[in-house]
Amino acid sequence: RKMKKESGLNRRGFLKIAGAGPLSLAASSVLGGLAVGAAARSYTNFHFLAISQAIDDTGGVHNLLMGGHGIITPGNVVGNGSFQHQLASDPAPIKPILGEGSWKVKRLVNWNEIGTYGIGVAGVLNLEVNLVPENGSSFPASLEVVCNIPPGGLFTGKPEGYVLDTGGPIGPFNPLGPPPLGITWFTNAIEPRD
C-alpha cells in the first residue's frame, strides 16, 4: 500500500530519513504492519552508578564510586564516565580522596545478554577501558558491568554492579552488598543521541 505523498515525502523517503535499525523498523511497523521483536534490535544502552570495594595489603578498605553510560552494537561499544577513589577505612568522618577522573571504553571484550523484561536487558558486559586521572597519566583497566532484573526473573549469576581491575596493588574492586550499593541498567529503548 502506498503512502500519500505530502511535501514530496513517501514511505521510502520517510524510512530513509528515519535511519536504519530499530527506528526505521519501528516506523515500518506503524506504517506497514511489520512485527518488530528483540531480534530486530541492533543495540543495547548501558548505564551504571555504583560503589565497589577493594582491600589493600595492609587491610585498608578502598571504595571506588564509578558511573558511566554508553551503547553496545554488534561487535563494538562506545562509552565513558567518571570515578572517585576514596580511602574508606580512614577514621576521619570525611574520607580522603586518593584519585578521581574519567574513563573511556577502549574495546569490547564480551557482551552476554541473558534476556529482556520490557525495555530492560539483563546481561554481563566486559570491556577494556582507559582510566584518566585528573592529575596523572592514563592507564588501562578491565571493567565488568552486571545487570540483573529480579522482577523479570533474570539473573546472571553475578552480583549487580561492576568489577574494576587495574592490575595494580589495589583491587580488583568488587560490588558491595548484598544488597548492591548503586544501580546498573541496560535497555533496548530508543534513547535520544546528540
N, C-alpha and C. Protein backbone atom coordinates (compact mmCIF):
# COMPACT_ATOMS: atom_id res chain seq x y z
N ARG A 1 0.84 -1.18 0.00
CA ARG A 1 0.00 0.00 0.00
C ARG A 1 0.89 1.24 0.00
N LYS A 2 0.60 2.19 -0.86
CA LYS A 2 1.42 3.39 -0.98
C LYS A 2 0.95 4.45 -0.02
N MET A 3 1.92 5.14 0.53
CA MET A 3 1.63 6.27 1.40
C MET A 3 1.40 7.50 0.53
N LYS A 4 0.45 8.34 0.92
CA LYS A 4 0.21 9.56 0.17
C LYS A 4 1.44 10.43 0.20
N LYS A 5 1.74 11.03 -0.93
CA LYS A 5 2.85 11.97 -0.95
C LYS A 5 2.40 13.28 -0.35
N GLU A 6 3.17 13.71 0.66
CA GLU A 6 2.94 15.02 1.25
C GLU A 6 4.28 15.70 1.33
N SER A 7 4.40 16.87 0.80
CA SER A 7 5.67 17.60 0.76
C SER A 7 6.76 16.77 0.10
N GLY A 8 6.39 15.96 -0.89
CA GLY A 8 7.38 15.18 -1.62
C GLY A 8 7.95 14.01 -0.83
N LEU A 9 7.31 13.61 0.27
CA LEU A 9 7.85 12.54 1.10
C LEU A 9 6.93 11.32 1.03
N ASN A 10 7.45 10.20 0.52
CA ASN A 10 6.69 8.96 0.52
C ASN A 10 7.22 8.02 1.60
N ARG A 11 6.69 6.83 1.66
CA ARG A 11 7.11 5.87 2.71
C ARG A 11 8.61 5.60 2.64
N ARG A 12 9.15 5.36 1.46
CA ARG A 12 10.58 5.07 1.31
C ARG A 12 11.41 6.27 1.77
N GLY A 13 10.99 7.46 1.43
CA GLY A 13 11.70 8.67 1.86
C GLY A 13 11.66 8.84 3.36
N PHE A 14 10.49 8.54 3.95
CA PHE A 14 10.37 8.63 5.41
C PHE A 14 11.33 7.68 6.09
N LEU A 15 11.36 6.41 5.60
CA LEU A 15 12.25 5.42 6.22
C LEU A 15 13.72 5.80 6.04
N LYS A 16 14.06 6.40 4.92
CA LYS A 16 15.44 6.82 4.69
C LYS A 16 15.82 7.90 5.69
N ILE A 17 14.92 8.85 5.94
CA ILE A 17 15.16 9.91 6.92
C ILE A 17 15.22 9.34 8.32
N ALA A 18 14.33 8.40 8.63
CA ALA A 18 14.28 7.81 9.98
C ALA A 18 15.56 7.07 10.29
N GLY A 19 16.25 6.53 9.29
CA GLY A 19 17.51 5.85 9.52
C GLY A 19 17.35 4.35 9.60
N ALA A 20 18.48 3.66 9.49
CA ALA A 20 18.48 2.21 9.57
C ALA A 20 18.34 1.77 11.01
N GLY A 21 18.01 0.50 11.20
CA GLY A 21 17.98 -0.07 12.55
C GLY A 21 16.61 0.00 13.18
N PRO A 22 16.58 0.03 14.53
CA PRO A 22 15.32 -0.08 15.26
C PRO A 22 14.32 1.02 14.96
N LEU A 23 14.80 2.26 14.75
CA LEU A 23 13.87 3.36 14.50
C LEU A 23 13.13 3.13 13.20
N SER A 24 13.86 2.73 12.14
CA SER A 24 13.18 2.51 10.87
C SER A 24 12.27 1.28 10.94
N LEU A 25 12.67 0.25 11.70
CA LEU A 25 11.82 -0.92 11.85
C LEU A 25 10.55 -0.57 12.62
N ALA A 26 10.69 0.28 13.64
CA ALA A 26 9.51 0.71 14.40
C ALA A 26 8.59 1.51 13.51
N ALA A 27 9.18 2.39 12.68
CA ALA A 27 8.37 3.18 11.76
C ALA A 27 7.68 2.26 10.75
N SER A 28 8.41 1.24 10.26
CA SER A 28 7.80 0.29 9.34
C SER A 28 6.64 -0.42 9.99
N SER A 29 6.80 -0.76 11.27
CA SER A 29 5.74 -1.46 11.99
C SER A 29 4.48 -0.61 12.04
N VAL A 30 4.65 0.66 12.34
CA VAL A 30 3.50 1.56 12.42
C VAL A 30 2.89 1.77 11.04
N LEU A 31 3.73 1.92 10.04
CA LEU A 31 3.23 2.25 8.71
C LEU A 31 2.81 1.04 7.88
N GLY A 32 3.44 -0.11 8.14
CA GLY A 32 3.16 -1.23 7.25
C GLY A 32 2.81 -2.52 7.93
N GLY A 33 2.65 -2.52 9.27
CA GLY A 33 2.22 -3.72 9.96
C GLY A 33 3.30 -4.76 10.18
N LEU A 34 4.58 -4.38 10.12
CA LEU A 34 5.64 -5.35 10.38
C LEU A 34 5.73 -5.63 11.87
N ALA A 35 6.05 -6.85 12.24
CA ALA A 35 6.26 -7.21 13.65
C ALA A 35 7.72 -6.94 13.99
N VAL A 36 7.93 -6.22 15.07
CA VAL A 36 9.29 -5.91 15.50
C VAL A 36 9.50 -6.53 16.87
N GLY A 37 10.50 -7.39 16.99
CA GLY A 37 10.81 -8.03 18.26
C GLY A 37 12.22 -7.76 18.67
N ALA A 38 12.67 -8.48 19.70
CA ALA A 38 14.02 -8.30 20.22
C ALA A 38 15.06 -8.62 19.16
N ALA A 39 14.75 -9.54 18.25
CA ALA A 39 15.72 -9.92 17.23
C ALA A 39 16.03 -8.76 16.29
N ALA A 40 15.10 -7.82 16.15
CA ALA A 40 15.32 -6.69 15.24
C ALA A 40 16.21 -5.62 15.86
N ARG A 41 16.34 -5.64 17.18
CA ARG A 41 17.14 -4.64 17.87
C ARG A 41 18.62 -4.87 17.56
N SER A 42 19.35 -3.82 17.27
CA SER A 42 20.77 -3.97 16.92
C SER A 42 21.68 -3.26 17.91
N TYR A 43 21.15 -2.84 19.04
CA TYR A 43 22.00 -2.17 20.03
C TYR A 43 21.38 -2.32 21.42
N THR A 44 22.21 -2.08 22.44
CA THR A 44 21.76 -2.04 23.83
C THR A 44 22.45 -0.87 24.50
N ASN A 45 21.68 -0.09 25.25
CA ASN A 45 22.24 1.02 26.03
C ASN A 45 22.67 0.51 27.40
N PHE A 46 23.74 1.08 27.96
CA PHE A 46 24.08 0.73 29.33
C PHE A 46 24.31 1.99 30.15
N HIS A 47 23.90 1.90 31.42
CA HIS A 47 24.05 2.99 32.39
C HIS A 47 24.37 2.35 33.73
N PHE A 48 25.27 2.96 34.50
CA PHE A 48 25.50 2.46 35.84
C PHE A 48 26.08 3.56 36.73
N LEU A 49 25.80 3.44 38.02
CA LEU A 49 26.36 4.30 39.05
C LEU A 49 26.37 3.46 40.32
N ALA A 50 27.56 3.10 40.80
CA ALA A 50 27.65 2.17 41.92
C ALA A 50 28.97 2.35 42.65
N ILE A 51 29.06 1.73 43.82
CA ILE A 51 30.29 1.72 44.60
C ILE A 51 30.79 0.30 44.69
N SER A 52 32.08 0.10 44.37
CA SER A 52 32.74 -1.19 44.55
C SER A 52 33.87 -0.99 45.55
N GLN A 53 34.37 -2.11 46.08
CA GLN A 53 35.32 -2.02 47.18
C GLN A 53 36.48 -3.00 46.99
N ALA A 54 37.65 -2.59 47.50
CA ALA A 54 38.83 -3.45 47.50
C ALA A 54 39.58 -3.25 48.81
N ILE A 55 40.38 -4.24 49.17
CA ILE A 55 41.19 -4.17 50.39
C ILE A 55 42.65 -4.29 49.98
N ASP A 56 43.50 -3.40 50.52
CA ASP A 56 44.92 -3.42 50.18
C ASP A 56 45.69 -4.38 51.10
N ASP A 57 47.01 -4.47 50.88
CA ASP A 57 47.85 -5.40 51.64
C ASP A 57 47.88 -5.12 53.14
N THR A 58 47.62 -3.90 53.54
CA THR A 58 47.66 -3.54 54.96
C THR A 58 46.28 -3.66 55.62
N GLY A 59 45.28 -4.07 54.87
CA GLY A 59 43.92 -4.17 55.40
C GLY A 59 43.11 -2.91 55.20
N GLY A 60 43.68 -1.92 54.52
CA GLY A 60 42.95 -0.70 54.23
C GLY A 60 41.81 -0.95 53.27
N VAL A 61 40.67 -0.34 53.53
CA VAL A 61 39.47 -0.53 52.70
C VAL A 61 39.35 0.66 51.75
N HIS A 62 39.22 0.36 50.48
CA HIS A 62 39.13 1.38 49.43
C HIS A 62 37.78 1.28 48.74
N ASN A 63 37.10 2.40 48.62
CA ASN A 63 35.84 2.47 47.86
C ASN A 63 36.09 3.17 46.55
N LEU A 64 35.44 2.70 45.50
CA LEU A 64 35.52 3.34 44.19
C LEU A 64 34.09 3.63 43.74
N LEU A 65 33.76 4.92 43.72
CA LEU A 65 32.47 5.36 43.18
C LEU A 65 32.69 5.57 41.69
N MET A 66 31.90 4.87 40.88
CA MET A 66 32.11 4.92 39.43
C MET A 66 30.77 4.94 38.72
N GLY A 67 30.68 5.71 37.67
CA GLY A 67 29.47 5.77 36.87
C GLY A 67 29.81 5.95 35.41
N GLY A 68 28.85 5.62 34.56
CA GLY A 68 29.07 5.80 33.14
C GLY A 68 27.89 5.35 32.33
N HIS A 69 28.02 5.49 31.02
CA HIS A 69 26.96 5.11 30.09
C HIS A 69 27.56 4.90 28.72
N GLY A 70 26.80 4.24 27.88
CA GLY A 70 27.27 4.00 26.52
C GLY A 70 26.28 3.17 25.75
N ILE A 71 26.73 2.69 24.61
CA ILE A 71 25.88 1.90 23.71
C ILE A 71 26.70 0.74 23.15
N ILE A 72 26.07 -0.43 23.18
CA ILE A 72 26.68 -1.65 22.65
C ILE A 72 26.02 -1.95 21.31
N THR A 73 26.83 -2.14 20.28
CA THR A 73 26.33 -2.54 18.96
C THR A 73 27.00 -3.86 18.61
N PRO A 74 26.56 -4.55 17.57
CA PRO A 74 27.19 -5.84 17.25
C PRO A 74 28.71 -5.68 17.05
N GLY A 75 29.46 -6.28 17.95
CA GLY A 75 30.92 -6.28 17.84
C GLY A 75 31.61 -5.01 18.27
N ASN A 76 30.88 -4.03 18.83
CA ASN A 76 31.53 -2.77 19.20
C ASN A 76 30.80 -2.15 20.39
N VAL A 77 31.45 -1.18 21.01
CA VAL A 77 30.85 -0.44 22.12
C VAL A 77 31.52 0.92 22.21
N VAL A 78 30.76 1.93 22.59
CA VAL A 78 31.30 3.25 22.93
C VAL A 78 30.74 3.60 24.30
N GLY A 79 31.52 4.32 25.08
CA GLY A 79 31.05 4.71 26.40
C GLY A 79 32.12 5.44 27.18
N ASN A 80 31.68 6.12 28.24
CA ASN A 80 32.60 6.85 29.10
C ASN A 80 31.93 7.13 30.43
N GLY A 81 32.69 7.74 31.33
CA GLY A 81 32.14 8.07 32.63
C GLY A 81 33.19 8.68 33.53
N SER A 82 32.97 8.57 34.84
CA SER A 82 33.89 9.17 35.80
C SER A 82 34.05 8.23 37.00
N PHE A 83 35.08 8.52 37.83
CA PHE A 83 35.33 7.70 39.01
C PHE A 83 35.93 8.56 40.11
N GLN A 84 35.78 8.08 41.37
CA GLN A 84 36.42 8.70 42.52
C GLN A 84 36.84 7.60 43.49
N HIS A 85 38.13 7.60 43.83
CA HIS A 85 38.73 6.57 44.71
C HIS A 85 38.89 7.18 46.10
N GLN A 86 38.26 6.53 47.10
CA GLN A 86 38.28 7.03 48.47
C GLN A 86 38.87 5.98 49.40
N LEU A 87 39.58 6.44 50.45
CA LEU A 87 40.09 5.54 51.49
C LEU A 87 39.01 5.41 52.55
N ALA A 88 38.17 4.39 52.42
CA ALA A 88 37.00 4.23 53.28
C ALA A 88 37.36 3.88 54.72
N SER A 89 38.52 3.24 54.92
CA SER A 89 38.90 2.81 56.27
C SER A 89 39.54 3.92 57.09
N ASP A 90 39.77 5.08 56.51
CA ASP A 90 40.32 6.20 57.28
C ASP A 90 39.33 6.58 58.37
N PRO A 91 39.80 6.79 59.62
CA PRO A 91 38.85 7.08 60.71
C PRO A 91 38.21 8.46 60.63
N ALA A 92 38.73 9.35 59.81
CA ALA A 92 38.16 10.70 59.70
C ALA A 92 36.74 10.62 59.14
N PRO A 93 35.83 11.52 59.60
CA PRO A 93 34.46 11.49 59.07
C PRO A 93 34.39 11.80 57.57
N ILE A 94 35.30 12.64 57.09
CA ILE A 94 35.37 12.92 55.65
C ILE A 94 36.55 12.12 55.10
N LYS A 95 36.26 11.16 54.26
CA LYS A 95 37.27 10.22 53.77
C LYS A 95 38.20 10.87 52.75
N PRO A 96 39.49 10.57 52.82
CA PRO A 96 40.43 11.14 51.84
C PRO A 96 40.15 10.62 50.43
N ILE A 97 40.28 11.51 49.46
CA ILE A 97 40.16 11.14 48.05
C ILE A 97 41.57 10.83 47.55
N LEU A 98 41.76 9.59 47.08
CA LEU A 98 43.07 9.16 46.60
C LEU A 98 43.25 9.36 45.10
N GLY A 99 42.16 9.50 44.39
CA GLY A 99 42.23 9.71 42.95
C GLY A 99 40.84 9.90 42.38
N GLU A 100 40.77 10.61 41.28
CA GLU A 100 39.49 10.82 40.59
C GLU A 100 39.78 11.22 39.16
N GLY A 101 38.79 11.03 38.32
CA GLY A 101 38.98 11.36 36.92
C GLY A 101 37.88 10.78 36.06
N SER A 102 38.24 10.48 34.83
CA SER A 102 37.27 9.96 33.87
C SER A 102 37.76 8.64 33.29
N TRP A 103 36.89 7.99 32.58
CA TRP A 103 37.26 6.76 31.89
C TRP A 103 36.57 6.73 30.53
N LYS A 104 37.16 5.94 29.63
CA LYS A 104 36.61 5.81 28.28
C LYS A 104 36.82 4.37 27.81
N VAL A 105 35.83 3.84 27.10
CA VAL A 105 35.93 2.49 26.55
C VAL A 105 37.03 2.44 25.51
N LYS A 106 37.84 1.39 25.60
CA LYS A 106 38.87 1.14 24.61
C LYS A 106 38.44 0.03 23.65
N ARG A 107 37.84 -1.05 24.23
CA ARG A 107 37.49 -2.20 23.40
C ARG A 107 36.42 -3.04 24.07
N LEU A 108 35.51 -3.60 23.27
CA LEU A 108 34.54 -4.58 23.74
C LEU A 108 35.23 -5.93 23.85
N VAL A 109 35.17 -6.55 25.03
CA VAL A 109 35.72 -7.89 25.22
C VAL A 109 34.61 -8.92 25.03
N ASN A 110 33.46 -8.70 25.70
CA ASN A 110 32.35 -9.64 25.59
C ASN A 110 31.05 -8.98 26.04
N TRP A 111 29.96 -9.32 25.36
CA TRP A 111 28.62 -8.89 25.77
C TRP A 111 27.74 -10.13 25.78
N ASN A 112 27.22 -10.48 26.96
CA ASN A 112 26.38 -11.66 27.11
C ASN A 112 25.00 -11.24 27.61
N GLU A 113 24.06 -11.11 26.69
CA GLU A 113 22.68 -10.78 27.06
C GLU A 113 21.97 -12.06 27.47
N ILE A 114 21.32 -12.03 28.66
CA ILE A 114 20.63 -13.25 29.09
C ILE A 114 19.12 -13.17 28.93
N GLY A 115 18.57 -11.97 28.71
CA GLY A 115 17.14 -11.86 28.50
C GLY A 115 16.64 -10.45 28.67
N THR A 116 15.38 -10.24 28.27
CA THR A 116 14.78 -8.91 28.37
C THR A 116 13.51 -8.97 29.20
N TYR A 117 13.19 -7.83 29.78
CA TYR A 117 11.96 -7.66 30.55
C TYR A 117 11.49 -6.24 30.26
N GLY A 118 10.47 -6.09 29.40
CA GLY A 118 10.09 -4.77 28.92
C GLY A 118 11.26 -4.20 28.13
N ILE A 119 11.64 -2.96 28.44
CA ILE A 119 12.80 -2.37 27.77
C ILE A 119 14.10 -2.73 28.49
N GLY A 120 14.01 -3.38 29.65
CA GLY A 120 15.20 -3.76 30.40
C GLY A 120 15.89 -4.96 29.79
N VAL A 121 17.22 -4.96 29.87
CA VAL A 121 18.03 -6.05 29.34
C VAL A 121 18.97 -6.52 30.45
N ALA A 122 18.93 -7.79 30.79
CA ALA A 122 19.86 -8.35 31.77
C ALA A 122 21.05 -8.94 31.04
N GLY A 123 22.24 -8.73 31.60
CA GLY A 123 23.41 -9.29 30.96
C GLY A 123 24.69 -8.88 31.65
N VAL A 124 25.80 -9.34 31.07
CA VAL A 124 27.14 -9.04 31.58
C VAL A 124 27.95 -8.43 30.45
N LEU A 125 28.52 -7.25 30.72
CA LEU A 125 29.31 -6.51 29.74
C LEU A 125 30.76 -6.46 30.22
N ASN A 126 31.68 -6.95 29.38
CA ASN A 126 33.11 -6.90 29.70
C ASN A 126 33.83 -5.98 28.72
N LEU A 127 34.58 -5.04 29.29
CA LEU A 127 35.24 -4.00 28.50
C LEU A 127 36.71 -3.85 28.88
N GLU A 128 37.50 -3.38 27.94
CA GLU A 128 38.80 -2.79 28.25
C GLU A 128 38.58 -1.29 28.23
N VAL A 129 39.05 -0.60 29.28
CA VAL A 129 38.87 0.85 29.38
C VAL A 129 40.20 1.52 29.68
N ASN A 130 40.24 2.81 29.45
CA ASN A 130 41.36 3.64 29.88
C ASN A 130 40.86 4.56 30.99
N LEU A 131 41.54 4.53 32.14
CA LEU A 131 41.25 5.45 33.23
C LEU A 131 42.15 6.67 33.07
N VAL A 132 41.57 7.85 33.21
CA VAL A 132 42.32 9.09 33.02
C VAL A 132 42.21 9.91 34.31
N PRO A 133 43.19 9.76 35.24
CA PRO A 133 43.14 10.53 36.49
C PRO A 133 43.27 12.03 36.23
N GLU A 134 42.70 12.84 37.13
CA GLU A 134 42.79 14.30 37.00
C GLU A 134 44.25 14.76 36.99
N ASN A 135 45.07 14.13 37.83
CA ASN A 135 46.49 14.52 37.93
C ASN A 135 47.37 13.31 37.69
N GLY A 136 47.46 12.90 36.46
CA GLY A 136 48.29 11.74 36.16
C GLY A 136 48.08 11.25 34.74
N SER A 137 48.83 10.20 34.42
CA SER A 137 48.75 9.61 33.08
C SER A 137 47.65 8.56 33.03
N SER A 138 47.07 8.38 31.85
CA SER A 138 46.03 7.37 31.69
C SER A 138 46.65 5.98 31.79
N PHE A 139 45.82 5.02 32.20
CA PHE A 139 46.28 3.64 32.29
C PHE A 139 45.11 2.70 32.01
N PRO A 140 45.42 1.48 31.54
CA PRO A 140 44.35 0.54 31.16
C PRO A 140 43.78 -0.19 32.36
N ALA A 141 42.56 -0.67 32.20
CA ALA A 141 41.89 -1.49 33.21
C ALA A 141 40.84 -2.34 32.53
N SER A 142 40.39 -3.37 33.23
CA SER A 142 39.26 -4.16 32.73
C SER A 142 38.05 -3.82 33.58
N LEU A 143 36.90 -3.69 32.93
CA LEU A 143 35.65 -3.31 33.59
C LEU A 143 34.58 -4.32 33.21
N GLU A 144 33.91 -4.86 34.23
CA GLU A 144 32.77 -5.73 34.00
C GLU A 144 31.55 -5.10 34.66
N VAL A 145 30.49 -4.91 33.89
CA VAL A 145 29.25 -4.33 34.40
C VAL A 145 28.16 -5.40 34.30
N VAL A 146 27.44 -5.61 35.42
CA VAL A 146 26.44 -6.67 35.51
C VAL A 146 25.08 -6.06 35.80
N CYS A 147 24.07 -6.47 35.03
CA CYS A 147 22.70 -6.02 35.25
C CYS A 147 21.79 -7.23 35.40
N ASN A 148 21.23 -7.39 36.60
CA ASN A 148 20.21 -8.40 36.87
C ASN A 148 18.85 -7.69 36.91
N ILE A 149 17.78 -8.38 36.56
CA ILE A 149 16.44 -7.80 36.64
C ILE A 149 15.55 -8.75 37.44
N PRO A 150 15.60 -8.64 38.79
CA PRO A 150 14.82 -9.55 39.63
C PRO A 150 13.32 -9.58 39.32
N PRO A 151 12.64 -8.43 39.06
CA PRO A 151 11.19 -8.52 38.79
C PRO A 151 10.87 -9.34 37.54
N GLY A 152 11.83 -9.44 36.62
CA GLY A 152 11.64 -10.23 35.40
C GLY A 152 12.19 -11.64 35.53
N GLY A 153 12.70 -11.99 36.73
CA GLY A 153 13.27 -13.32 36.93
C GLY A 153 14.56 -13.53 36.16
N LEU A 154 15.29 -12.44 35.87
CA LEU A 154 16.52 -12.53 35.07
C LEU A 154 17.74 -12.30 35.96
N PHE A 155 18.54 -13.35 36.14
CA PHE A 155 19.72 -13.29 36.99
C PHE A 155 20.92 -13.84 36.22
N THR A 156 22.02 -13.12 36.27
CA THR A 156 23.23 -13.51 35.56
C THR A 156 24.06 -14.52 36.34
N GLY A 157 23.80 -14.65 37.64
CA GLY A 157 24.64 -15.49 38.49
C GLY A 157 25.78 -14.69 39.11
N LYS A 158 25.82 -13.39 38.81
CA LYS A 158 26.84 -12.50 39.36
C LYS A 158 26.14 -11.37 40.09
N PRO A 159 26.83 -10.75 41.07
CA PRO A 159 26.19 -9.65 41.79
C PRO A 159 26.03 -8.41 40.92
N GLU A 160 24.94 -7.70 41.12
CA GLU A 160 24.66 -6.44 40.43
C GLU A 160 25.78 -5.44 40.73
N GLY A 161 26.20 -4.70 39.73
CA GLY A 161 27.22 -3.67 39.93
C GLY A 161 28.34 -3.81 38.92
N TYR A 162 29.56 -3.50 39.37
CA TYR A 162 30.70 -3.58 38.45
C TYR A 162 31.93 -4.09 39.19
N VAL A 163 32.84 -4.68 38.40
CA VAL A 163 34.16 -5.09 38.89
C VAL A 163 35.17 -4.32 38.04
N LEU A 164 36.12 -3.64 38.71
CA LEU A 164 37.18 -2.93 38.01
C LEU A 164 38.51 -3.50 38.47
N ASP A 165 39.34 -3.92 37.51
CA ASP A 165 40.66 -4.47 37.80
C ASP A 165 41.70 -3.68 37.02
N THR A 166 42.57 -3.00 37.76
CA THR A 166 43.63 -2.21 37.12
C THR A 166 44.93 -3.01 37.00
N GLY A 167 44.96 -4.19 37.62
CA GLY A 167 46.20 -4.96 37.64
C GLY A 167 47.22 -4.37 38.59
N GLY A 168 46.80 -3.37 39.37
CA GLY A 168 47.70 -2.70 40.29
C GLY A 168 47.67 -3.30 41.68
N PRO A 169 48.29 -2.62 42.65
CA PRO A 169 48.39 -3.16 44.01
C PRO A 169 47.07 -3.17 44.78
N ILE A 170 46.10 -2.38 44.34
CA ILE A 170 44.79 -2.35 44.99
C ILE A 170 43.77 -2.91 44.01
N GLY A 171 43.01 -3.87 44.49
CA GLY A 171 41.95 -4.39 43.63
C GLY A 171 42.07 -5.87 43.41
N PRO A 172 41.14 -6.42 42.64
CA PRO A 172 40.09 -5.70 41.93
C PRO A 172 39.02 -5.15 42.88
N PHE A 173 38.33 -4.12 42.39
CA PHE A 173 37.20 -3.54 43.12
C PHE A 173 35.97 -4.37 42.78
N ASN A 174 35.28 -4.87 43.81
CA ASN A 174 34.10 -5.73 43.63
C ASN A 174 32.86 -5.07 44.20
N PRO A 175 31.67 -5.43 43.68
CA PRO A 175 30.43 -4.80 44.15
C PRO A 175 30.23 -4.98 45.66
N LEU A 176 29.74 -3.94 46.30
CA LEU A 176 29.33 -4.02 47.70
C LEU A 176 27.99 -4.73 47.77
N GLY A 177 27.71 -5.34 48.90
CA GLY A 177 26.40 -5.94 49.08
C GLY A 177 26.50 -7.39 49.47
N PRO A 178 25.40 -8.10 49.46
CA PRO A 178 24.08 -7.62 49.12
C PRO A 178 23.44 -6.80 50.24
N PRO A 179 22.50 -5.91 49.93
CA PRO A 179 22.11 -5.50 48.57
C PRO A 179 23.18 -4.62 47.95
N PRO A 180 23.19 -4.50 46.64
CA PRO A 180 24.20 -3.67 45.97
C PRO A 180 24.05 -2.20 46.35
N LEU A 181 25.18 -1.51 46.34
CA LEU A 181 25.16 -0.08 46.61
C LEU A 181 25.31 0.63 45.27
N GLY A 182 24.18 0.90 44.63
CA GLY A 182 24.19 1.51 43.31
C GLY A 182 23.24 0.77 42.39
N ILE A 183 23.30 1.12 41.12
CA ILE A 183 22.38 0.51 40.15
C ILE A 183 23.05 0.40 38.79
N THR A 184 22.69 -0.65 38.08
CA THR A 184 23.06 -0.78 36.67
C THR A 184 21.75 -0.94 35.90
N TRP A 185 21.74 -0.48 34.67
CA TRP A 185 20.50 -0.54 33.87
C TRP A 185 20.89 -0.61 32.41
N PHE A 186 20.59 -1.73 31.79
CA PHE A 186 20.77 -1.91 30.35
C PHE A 186 19.39 -1.85 29.73
N THR A 187 19.25 -1.18 28.60
CA THR A 187 17.95 -1.08 27.94
C THR A 187 18.05 -1.23 26.44
N ASN A 188 16.92 -1.58 25.83
CA ASN A 188 16.85 -1.59 24.38
C ASN A 188 15.94 -0.45 23.89
N ALA A 189 15.73 0.55 24.75
CA ALA A 189 14.90 1.69 24.37
C ALA A 189 15.62 2.56 23.35
N ILE A 190 14.84 3.26 22.55
CA ILE A 190 15.42 4.25 21.65
C ILE A 190 15.68 5.49 22.48
N GLU A 191 16.96 5.77 22.74
CA GLU A 191 17.33 6.91 23.57
C GLU A 191 17.85 8.04 22.68
N PRO A 192 17.50 9.28 23.00
CA PRO A 192 17.98 10.40 22.20
C PRO A 192 19.50 10.47 22.22
N ARG A 193 20.08 10.80 21.11
CA ARG A 193 21.53 10.97 20.99
C ARG A 193 21.82 12.37 20.44
N ASP A 194 22.85 12.99 20.98
CA ASP A 194 23.25 14.32 20.47
C ASP A 194 23.99 14.19 19.17
